[in-house]
């Protein structure tokens, strides 16, 4: 890698880092305006005893106890007595401190039923800076849109690494030496990917 490319890449990485650092604040403001679904189920009435916090679909809760109370932080929730949302299901839109008057219900799966539609993907033209043995992509894109850090919409480092490796191979390189994540409009995208054929 030439010294000129190193300087340019470092500058772009620093800029991308600043964007990534600021993005959680943007995401936080957006979530305050449109909160993600969240509910807490309790074993005992009155919001007591063991509890489970849920923010997404749960197909197999594996609970060994009946649910006697629920706090609905946001959204509307469907609680089902069998796995994969089967069997008798009940919907809760607000807190309930005594479900079925202390008899409780069996819950093995639950999910939000009125979640907002996902935000559209951010357009991208896949800008890059190529050196002798590597290529830097501040905003990786495929098919005219930014690449999500994880196909399922999550944001774990391991998933981002796998996605970056796949992206680099599609671009004609063997591996990704580094990558970060950037949150834009409640979606987490791949950012600052450095593709190469071998580790420096």
C-alpha atoms as a PDB file:
ATOM      1  CA  UNK A   1       0.000   0.000   0.000  1.00  0.00           C
ATOM      2  CA  UNK A   2       1.458   3.398  -0.978  1.00  0.00           C
ATOM      3  CA  UNK A   3       2.009   6.082   1.641  1.00  0.00           C
ATOM      4  CA  UNK A   4      -0.444   8.356  -0.198  1.00  0.00           C
ATOM      5  CA  UNK A   5      -3.193   5.731  -0.060  1.00  0.00           C
ATOM      6  CA  UNK A   6      -2.474   5.063   3.606  1.00  0.00           C
ATOM      7  CA  UNK A   7      -2.947   8.740   4.402  1.00  0.00           C
ATOM      8  CA  UNK A   8      -6.190   8.939   2.422  1.00  0.00           C
ATOM      9  CA  UNK A   9      -7.527   5.707   3.922  1.00  0.00           C
ATOM     10  CA  UNK A  10      -6.717   6.844   7.465  1.00  0.00           C
ATOM     11  CA  UNK A  11      -8.520  10.117   6.807  1.00  0.00           C
ATOM     12  CA  UNK A  12     -11.582   8.317   5.491  1.00  0.00           C
ATOM     13  CA  UNK A  13     -11.559   5.872   8.405  1.00  0.00           C
ATOM     14  CA  UNK A  14     -11.435   8.736  10.888  1.00  0.00           C
ATOM     15  CA  UNK A  15     -14.304  10.483   9.113  1.00  0.00           C
ATOM     16  CA  UNK A  16     -16.322   7.266   9.009  1.00  0.00           C
ATOM     17  CA  UNK A  17     -15.616   6.707  12.688  1.00  0.00           C
ATOM     18  CA  UNK A  18     -17.013  10.129  13.508  1.00  0.00           C
ATOM     19  CA  UNK A  19     -20.167   9.316  11.548  1.00  0.00           C
ATOM     20  CA  UNK A  20     -20.513   5.942  13.256  1.00  0.00           C
ATOM     21  CA  UNK A  21     -19.998   7.547  16.661  1.00  0.00           C
ATOM     22  CA  UNK A  22     -22.742  10.070  16.001  1.00  0.00           C
ATOM     23  CA  UNK A  23     -25.168   7.557  14.504  1.00  0.00           C
ATOM     24  CA  UNK A  24     -26.325   6.021  17.844  1.00  0.00           C
ATOM     25  CA  UNK A  25     -27.537   9.476  18.877  1.00  0.00           C
ATOM     26  CA  UNK A  26     -29.521   9.757  15.651  1.00  0.00           C
ATOM     27  CA  UNK A  27     -30.977   6.298  16.183  1.00  0.00           C
ATOM     28  CA  UNK A  28     -31.824   7.132  19.798  1.00  0.00           C
ATOM     29  CA  UNK A  29     -33.734  10.265  18.784  1.00  0.00           C
ATOM     30  CA  UNK A  30     -35.640   8.282  16.169  1.00  0.00           C
ATOM     31  CA  UNK A  31     -36.569   5.571  18.669  1.00  0.00           C
ATOM     32  CA  UNK A  32     -37.874   8.195  21.069  1.00  0.00           C
ATOM     33  CA  UNK A  33     -40.236   9.345  18.330  1.00  0.00           C
ATOM     34  CA  UNK A  34     -41.208   5.808  17.293  1.00  0.00           C
ATOM     35  CA  UNK A  35     -40.374   3.371  20.117  1.00  0.00           C
ATOM     36  CA  UNK A  36     -39.632  -0.239  19.291  1.00  0.00           C
ATOM     37  CA  UNK A  37     -42.075  -2.843  20.675  1.00  0.00           C
ATOM     38  CA  UNK A  38     -41.218  -3.958  24.200  1.00  0.00           C
ATOM     39  CA  UNK A  39     -43.002  -5.975  26.876  1.00  0.00           C
ATOM     40  CA  UNK A  40     -42.080  -7.613  30.179  1.00  0.00           C
ATOM     41  CA  UNK A  41     -43.857 -10.754  31.369  1.00  0.00           C
ATOM     42  CA  UNK A  42     -43.867 -11.833  35.032  1.00  0.00           C
ATOM     43  CA  UNK A  43     -44.471 -15.117  36.789  1.00  0.00           C
ATOM     44  CA  UNK A  44     -46.399 -13.511  39.649  1.00  0.00           C
ATOM     45  CA  UNK A  45     -49.254 -11.032  39.774  1.00  0.00           C
ATOM     46  CA  UNK A  46     -48.500  -7.388  40.447  1.00  0.00           C
ATOM     47  CA  UNK A  47     -45.383  -7.458  38.236  1.00  0.00           C
ATOM     48  CA  UNK A  48     -43.443  -9.598  40.699  1.00  0.00           C
ATOM     49  CA  UNK A  49     -41.263 -12.678  40.557  1.00  0.00           C
ATOM     50  CA  UNK A  50     -39.088 -13.882  37.673  1.00  0.00           C
ATOM     51  CA  UNK A  51     -39.476 -11.750  34.550  1.00  0.00           C
ATOM     52  CA  UNK A  52     -38.567 -11.846  30.870  1.00  0.00           C
ATOM     53  CA  UNK A  53     -38.039  -8.720  28.761  1.00  0.00           C
ATOM     54  CA  UNK A  54     -39.100  -9.213  25.132  1.00  0.00           C
ATOM     55  CA  UNK A  55     -38.508  -6.878  22.184  1.00  0.00           C
ATOM     56  CA  UNK A  56     -38.988  -9.164  19.174  1.00  0.00           C
ATOM     57  CA  UNK A  57     -40.652 -12.375  18.017  1.00  0.00           C
ATOM     58  CA  UNK A  58     -40.021 -15.311  20.357  1.00  0.00           C
ATOM     59  CA  UNK A  59     -41.048 -18.630  18.837  1.00  0.00           C
ATOM     60  CA  UNK A  60     -40.069 -20.829  21.802  1.00  0.00           C
ATOM     61  CA  UNK A  61     -39.988 -19.153  25.208  1.00  0.00           C
ATOM     62  CA  UNK A  62     -39.242 -22.333  27.143  1.00  0.00           C
ATOM     63  CA  UNK A  63     -41.021 -20.972  30.227  1.00  0.00           C
ATOM     64  CA  UNK A  64     -41.576 -23.366  33.125  1.00  0.00           C
ATOM     65  CA  UNK A  65     -44.104 -21.058  34.811  1.00  0.00           C
ATOM     66  CA  UNK A  66     -47.431 -19.429  34.006  1.00  0.00           C
ATOM     67  CA  UNK A  67     -47.513 -15.727  33.223  1.00  0.00           C
ATOM     68  CA  UNK A  68     -49.609 -13.772  35.724  1.00  0.00           C
ATOM     69  CA  UNK A  69     -48.815 -10.168  34.782  1.00  0.00           C
ATOM     70  CA  UNK A  70     -47.406  -8.155  31.906  1.00  0.00           C
ATOM     71  CA  UNK A  71     -46.065  -4.642  31.391  1.00  0.00           C
ATOM     72  CA  UNK A  72     -46.498  -3.321  27.859  1.00  0.00           C
ATOM     73  CA  UNK A  73     -43.797  -0.698  27.416  1.00  0.00           C
ATOM     74  CA  UNK A  74     -44.727  -0.089  23.790  1.00  0.00           C
ATOM     75  CA  UNK A  75     -46.595  -1.774  20.980  1.00  0.00           C
ATOM     76  CA  UNK A  76     -49.260  -4.458  21.051  1.00  0.00           C
ATOM     77  CA  UNK A  77     -48.359  -8.026  22.009  1.00  0.00           C
ATOM     78  CA  UNK A  78     -49.726 -11.459  21.164  1.00  0.00           C
ATOM     79  CA  UNK A  79     -49.054 -14.191  23.750  1.00  0.00           C
ATOM     80  CA  UNK A  80     -49.633 -17.803  22.674  1.00  0.00           C
ATOM     81  CA  UNK A  81     -49.822 -20.986  24.740  1.00  0.00           C
ATOM     82  CA  UNK A  82     -47.805 -23.074  22.265  1.00  0.00           C
ATOM     83  CA  UNK A  83     -44.569 -22.555  20.348  1.00  0.00           C
ATOM     84  CA  UNK A  84     -44.493 -20.814  16.950  1.00  0.00           C
ATOM     85  CA  UNK A  85     -47.559 -18.707  17.849  1.00  0.00           C
ATOM     86  CA  UNK A  86     -49.945 -21.665  17.904  1.00  0.00           C
ATOM     87  CA  UNK A  87     -52.725 -22.644  20.250  1.00  0.00           C
ATOM     88  CA  UNK A  88     -54.813 -20.165  22.199  1.00  0.00           C
ATOM     89  CA  UNK A  89     -53.403 -16.640  21.808  1.00  0.00           C
ATOM     90  CA  UNK A  90     -54.264 -13.435  23.653  1.00  0.00           C
ATOM     91  CA  UNK A  91     -53.448  -9.846  22.724  1.00  0.00           C
ATOM     92  CA  UNK A  92     -52.338  -7.225  25.243  1.00  0.00           C
ATOM     93  CA  UNK A  93     -52.209  -3.496  24.521  1.00  0.00           C
ATOM     94  CA  UNK A  94     -51.618  -2.249  28.064  1.00  0.00           C
ATOM     95  CA  UNK A  95     -50.300  -3.367  31.450  1.00  0.00           C
ATOM     96  CA  UNK A  96     -52.211  -6.155  33.178  1.00  0.00           C
ATOM     97  CA  UNK A  97     -51.316  -6.905  36.787  1.00  0.00           C
ATOM     98  CA  UNK A  98     -53.670  -9.888  37.267  1.00  0.00           C
ATOM     99  CA  UNK A  99     -54.071 -11.939  34.122  1.00  0.00           C
ATOM    100  CA  UNK A 100     -57.256 -14.025  34.366  1.00  0.00           C
ATOM    101  CA  UNK A 101     -57.668 -12.985  37.999  1.00  0.00           C
ATOM    102  CA  UNK A 102     -54.515 -14.677  39.302  1.00  0.00           C
ATOM    103  CA  UNK A 103     -54.945 -17.859  37.263  1.00  0.00           C
ATOM    104  CA  UNK A 104     -52.354 -16.722  34.749  1.00  0.00           C
ATOM    105  CA  UNK A 105     -51.777 -18.159  31.303  1.00  0.00           C
ATOM    106  CA  UNK A 106     -49.339 -20.554  29.677  1.00  0.00           C
ATOM    107  CA  UNK A 107     -47.006 -18.685  27.309  1.00  0.00           C
ATOM    108  CA  UNK A 108     -44.566 -20.461  25.013  1.00  0.00           C
ATOM    109  CA  UNK A 109     -44.331 -17.868  22.233  1.00  0.00           C
ATOM    110  CA  UNK A 110     -45.055 -14.150  21.845  1.00  0.00           C
ATOM    111  CA  UNK A 111     -44.622 -11.379  19.304  1.00  0.00           C
ATOM    112  CA  UNK A 112     -45.488  -7.732  18.618  1.00  0.00           C
ATOM    113  CA  UNK A 113     -48.468  -7.397  16.285  1.00  0.00           C
ATOM    114  CA  UNK A 114     -48.400  -3.733  15.307  1.00  0.00           C
ATOM    115  CA  UNK A 115     -44.728  -3.084  14.665  1.00  0.00           C
ATOM    116  CA  UNK A 116     -43.887  -0.246  12.264  1.00  0.00           C
ATOM    117  CA  UNK A 117     -42.815  -1.137   8.744  1.00  0.00           C
ATOM    118  CA  UNK A 118     -39.040  -1.205   8.318  1.00  0.00           C
ATOM    119  CA  UNK A 119     -37.443   1.909   6.919  1.00  0.00           C
ATOM    120  CA  UNK A 120     -36.432   1.700   3.243  1.00  0.00           C
ATOM    121  CA  UNK A 121     -32.839   0.850   2.431  1.00  0.00           C
ATOM    122  CA  UNK A 122     -30.456   3.764   1.969  1.00  0.00           C
ATOM    123  CA  UNK A 123     -29.329   4.238  -1.669  1.00  0.00           C
ATOM    124  CA  UNK A 124     -25.602   3.921  -2.329  1.00  0.00           C
ATOM    125  CA  UNK A 125     -23.160   3.980  -5.244  1.00  0.00           C
ATOM    126  CA  UNK A 126     -20.375   2.000  -3.526  1.00  0.00           C
ATOM    127  CA  UNK A 127     -17.616   4.650  -3.431  1.00  0.00           C
ATOM    128  CA  UNK A 128     -14.108   3.330  -2.857  1.00  0.00           C
ATOM    129  CA  UNK A 129     -10.429   4.183  -2.760  1.00  0.00           C
ATOM    130  CA  UNK A 130      -8.115   1.578  -4.280  1.00  0.00           C
ATOM    131  CA  UNK A 131      -4.478   1.030  -3.369  1.00  0.00           C
ATOM    132  CA  UNK A 132      -1.774  -1.408  -4.435  1.00  0.00           C
ATOM    133  CA  UNK A 133      -3.031  -4.304  -2.335  1.00  0.00           C
ATOM    134  CA  UNK A 134      -6.336  -3.229  -0.848  1.00  0.00           C
ATOM    135  CA  UNK A 135      -9.505  -1.212  -1.420  1.00  0.00           C
ATOM    136  CA  UNK A 136     -11.374   0.936   1.089  1.00  0.00           C
ATOM    137  CA  UNK A 137     -15.192   1.160   0.976  1.00  0.00           C
ATOM    138  CA  UNK A 138     -16.608   3.801   3.373  1.00  0.00           C
ATOM    139  CA  UNK A 139     -20.215   2.965   2.388  1.00  0.00           C
ATOM    140  CA  UNK A 140     -20.423  -0.531   0.855  1.00  0.00           C
ATOM    141  CA  UNK A 141     -23.331  -0.922  -1.565  1.00  0.00           C
ATOM    142  CA  UNK A 142     -24.741  -3.604  -3.863  1.00  0.00           C
ATOM    143  CA  UNK A 143     -27.502  -3.206  -6.411  1.00  0.00           C
ATOM    144  CA  UNK A 144     -27.773   0.523  -5.754  1.00  0.00           C
ATOM    145  CA  UNK A 145     -28.347   0.242  -1.979  1.00  0.00           C
ATOM    146  CA  UNK A 146     -26.179   0.255   1.146  1.00  0.00           C
ATOM    147  CA  UNK A 147     -25.264  -3.188   2.494  1.00  0.00           C
ATOM    148  CA  UNK A 148     -26.874  -4.125   5.820  1.00  0.00           C
ATOM    149  CA  UNK A 149     -24.413  -5.272   8.474  1.00  0.00           C
ATOM    150  CA  UNK A 150     -26.489  -8.421   8.913  1.00  0.00           C
ATOM    151  CA  UNK A 151     -29.114  -9.876   6.530  1.00  0.00           C
ATOM    152  CA  UNK A 152     -31.496 -10.400   9.451  1.00  0.00           C
ATOM    153  CA  UNK A 153     -31.226  -6.737  10.438  1.00  0.00           C
ATOM    154  CA  UNK A 154     -29.129  -7.247  13.561  1.00  0.00           C
ATOM    155  CA  UNK A 155     -25.917  -5.509  14.458  1.00  0.00           C
ATOM    156  CA  UNK A 156     -23.440  -7.948  16.001  1.00  0.00           C
ATOM    157  CA  UNK A 157     -19.718  -7.724  15.290  1.00  0.00           C
ATOM    158  CA  UNK A 158     -19.555 -11.356  14.150  1.00  0.00           C
ATOM    159  CA  UNK A 159     -22.383 -10.893  11.684  1.00  0.00           C
ATOM    160  CA  UNK A 160     -20.807  -7.683  10.344  1.00  0.00           C
ATOM    161  CA  UNK A 161     -17.505  -9.526   9.854  1.00  0.00           C
ATOM    162  CA  UNK A 162     -19.211 -12.298   7.895  1.00  0.00           C
ATOM    163  CA  UNK A 163     -21.091  -9.787   5.739  1.00  0.00           C
ATOM    164  CA  UNK A 164     -17.905  -7.812   5.103  1.00  0.00           C
ATOM    165  CA  UNK A 165     -16.058 -10.981   4.061  1.00  0.00           C
ATOM    166  CA  UNK A 166     -18.848 -11.826   1.614  1.00  0.00           C
ATOM    167  CA  UNK A 167     -18.849  -8.263   0.275  1.00  0.00           C
ATOM    168  CA  UNK A 168     -15.076  -8.206  -0.259  1.00  0.00           C
ATOM    169  CA  UNK A 169     -15.149 -11.521  -2.114  1.00  0.00           C
ATOM    170  CA  UNK A 170     -17.908 -10.167  -4.354  1.00  0.00           C
ATOM    171  CA  UNK A 171     -15.650  -7.187  -5.066  1.00  0.00           C
ATOM    172  CA  UNK A 172     -12.808  -9.488  -6.123  1.00  0.00           C
ATOM    173  CA  UNK A 173     -10.834  -9.548  -2.861  1.00  0.00           C
ATOM    174  CA  UNK A 174     -10.126 -12.433  -0.506  1.00  0.00           C
ATOM    175  CA  UNK A 175     -10.884 -10.963   2.898  1.00  0.00           C
ATOM    176  CA  UNK A 176     -11.950  -7.963   4.971  1.00  0.00           C
ATOM    177  CA  UNK A 177      -9.224  -6.557   7.206  1.00  0.00           C
ATOM    178  CA  UNK A 178     -11.584  -4.280   9.107  1.00  0.00           C
ATOM    179  CA  UNK A 179     -15.191  -3.095   9.122  1.00  0.00           C
ATOM    180  CA  UNK A 180     -17.517  -1.036  11.268  1.00  0.00           C
ATOM    181  CA  UNK A 181     -21.262  -0.462  11.511  1.00  0.00           C
ATOM    182  CA  UNK A 182     -23.339   2.683  11.009  1.00  0.00           C
ATOM    183  CA  UNK A 183     -26.949   3.217  12.070  1.00  0.00           C
ATOM    184  CA  UNK A 184     -29.122   5.177   9.633  1.00  0.00           C
ATOM    185  CA  UNK A 185     -32.887   5.495  10.158  1.00  0.00           C
ATOM    186  CA  UNK A 186     -33.100   2.498  12.510  1.00  0.00           C
ATOM    187  CA  UNK A 187     -31.167   0.218  10.146  1.00  0.00           C
ATOM    188  CA  UNK A 188     -27.584  -0.894  10.758  1.00  0.00           C
ATOM    189  CA  UNK A 189     -25.313  -0.780   7.732  1.00  0.00           C
ATOM    190  CA  UNK A 190     -21.816  -1.976   6.955  1.00  0.00           C
ATOM    191  CA  UNK A 191     -19.260   0.848   6.878  1.00  0.00           C
ATOM    192  CA  UNK A 192     -15.534   1.509   6.485  1.00  0.00           C
ATOM    193  CA  UNK A 193     -14.694  -1.877   4.994  1.00  0.00           C
ATOM    194  CA  UNK A 194     -11.069  -2.464   4.014  1.00  0.00           C
ATOM    195  CA  UNK A 195     -10.794  -5.327   1.529  1.00  0.00           C
ATOM    196  CA  UNK A 196      -7.499  -7.036   0.700  1.00  0.00           C
ATOM    197  CA  UNK A 197      -5.994 -10.279  -0.565  1.00  0.00           C
ATOM    198  CA  UNK A 198      -3.857 -10.838   2.530  1.00  0.00           C
ATOM    199  CA  UNK A 199      -3.252  -9.375   5.977  1.00  0.00           C
ATOM    200  CA  UNK A 200      -0.683  -6.595   6.056  1.00  0.00           C
END
